[in-house]
Protein backbone atom coordinates (compact mmCIF):
# COMPACT_ATOMS: atom_id res chain seq x y z
CA MET A 1 32.73 2.47 17.11
CA SER A 2 29.95 0.27 15.67
CA ARG A 3 29.89 -1.05 12.02
CA GLY A 4 28.64 1.69 9.51
CA LYS A 5 29.32 4.80 11.85
CA ARG A 6 32.95 5.28 11.01
CA ILE A 7 33.42 9.01 9.94
CA LEU A 8 35.95 9.10 7.33
CA VAL A 9 36.48 12.78 7.84
CA PRO A 10 36.76 13.39 11.48
CA GLU A 11 36.79 17.32 11.02
CA ALA A 12 33.21 17.12 9.46
CA GLN A 13 31.62 15.38 12.85
CA GLU A 14 30.15 18.96 13.85
CA ASN A 15 28.79 19.73 11.01
CA LEU A 16 27.23 16.10 10.36
CA ASP A 17 25.77 16.61 13.72
CA LYS A 18 24.16 20.01 12.78
CA PHE A 19 22.66 18.52 9.43
CA LYS A 20 21.47 15.35 11.48
CA GLU A 21 19.36 17.73 13.65
CA GLU A 22 18.23 20.01 10.58
CA VAL A 23 16.71 16.99 8.91
CA SER A 24 15.18 15.34 12.01
CA ASN A 25 13.47 18.65 12.80
CA ASP A 26 12.60 19.05 8.89
CA ILE A 27 10.85 15.58 9.27
CA GLY A 28 9.16 16.45 12.47
CA ILE A 29 11.22 13.66 14.65
CA GLY A 30 13.80 15.46 16.61
CA ILE A 31 17.15 14.32 17.86
CA VAL A 32 16.55 11.55 20.73
CA ASN A 33 19.42 10.21 22.60
CA SER A 34 18.81 6.39 23.33
CA TYR A 35 21.29 6.28 26.04
CA GLN A 36 19.49 8.98 28.16
CA ASP A 37 18.06 7.44 31.29
CA ASN A 38 14.65 9.77 31.01
CA ASN A 39 14.50 8.82 27.38
CA PRO A 40 10.53 8.49 27.09
CA LYS A 41 10.85 6.44 23.96
CA PRO A 42 10.93 2.66 23.54
CA LEU A 43 14.47 1.56 21.86
CA ASN A 44 12.73 -0.02 18.77
CA GLU A 45 11.36 3.59 18.44
CA VAL A 46 14.49 5.34 18.51
CA ILE A 47 15.97 3.16 16.35
CA ALA A 48 13.20 2.93 13.28
CA THR A 49 13.10 6.96 13.72
CA SER A 50 17.08 7.20 13.17
CA GLY A 51 16.75 5.08 10.02
CA GLN A 52 14.45 7.16 8.80
CA VAL A 53 17.05 10.51 9.60
CA GLY A 54 19.81 8.69 8.10
CA GLY A 55 17.91 7.81 4.91
CA GLU A 56 16.85 11.18 4.32
CA MET A 57 20.23 12.88 4.95
CA VAL A 58 21.57 9.91 2.14
CA LYS A 59 18.74 11.34 -0.10
CA ARG A 60 19.61 14.96 0.44
CA MET A 61 23.73 14.21 -0.12
CA VAL A 62 23.19 12.45 -3.22
CA ALA A 63 20.64 15.14 -4.71
CA GLU A 64 23.12 18.06 -3.72
CA TYR A 65 25.87 16.08 -5.52
CA GLU A 66 23.71 15.34 -8.47
CA LYS A 67 23.15 19.34 -8.63
CA LYS A 68 26.87 19.88 -8.54
CA LEU A 69 27.30 17.14 -11.58
CA ILE A 70 24.88 19.50 -13.95
């Protein structure tokens, strides 16, 4: 597993995948598997869009946590 992709709670994997798909659809990107042979996007575009999805996921998680603090 690559650095930064370690799941601390393996039982959360399915929900994290659903969250990732929801966020990517919300921002109009859609999930792209860069390992598919028929992937129409160049790898550098896949990396850029995955960064956008990850950033948005973190932003939403922080906002949710902040709501719980109030």
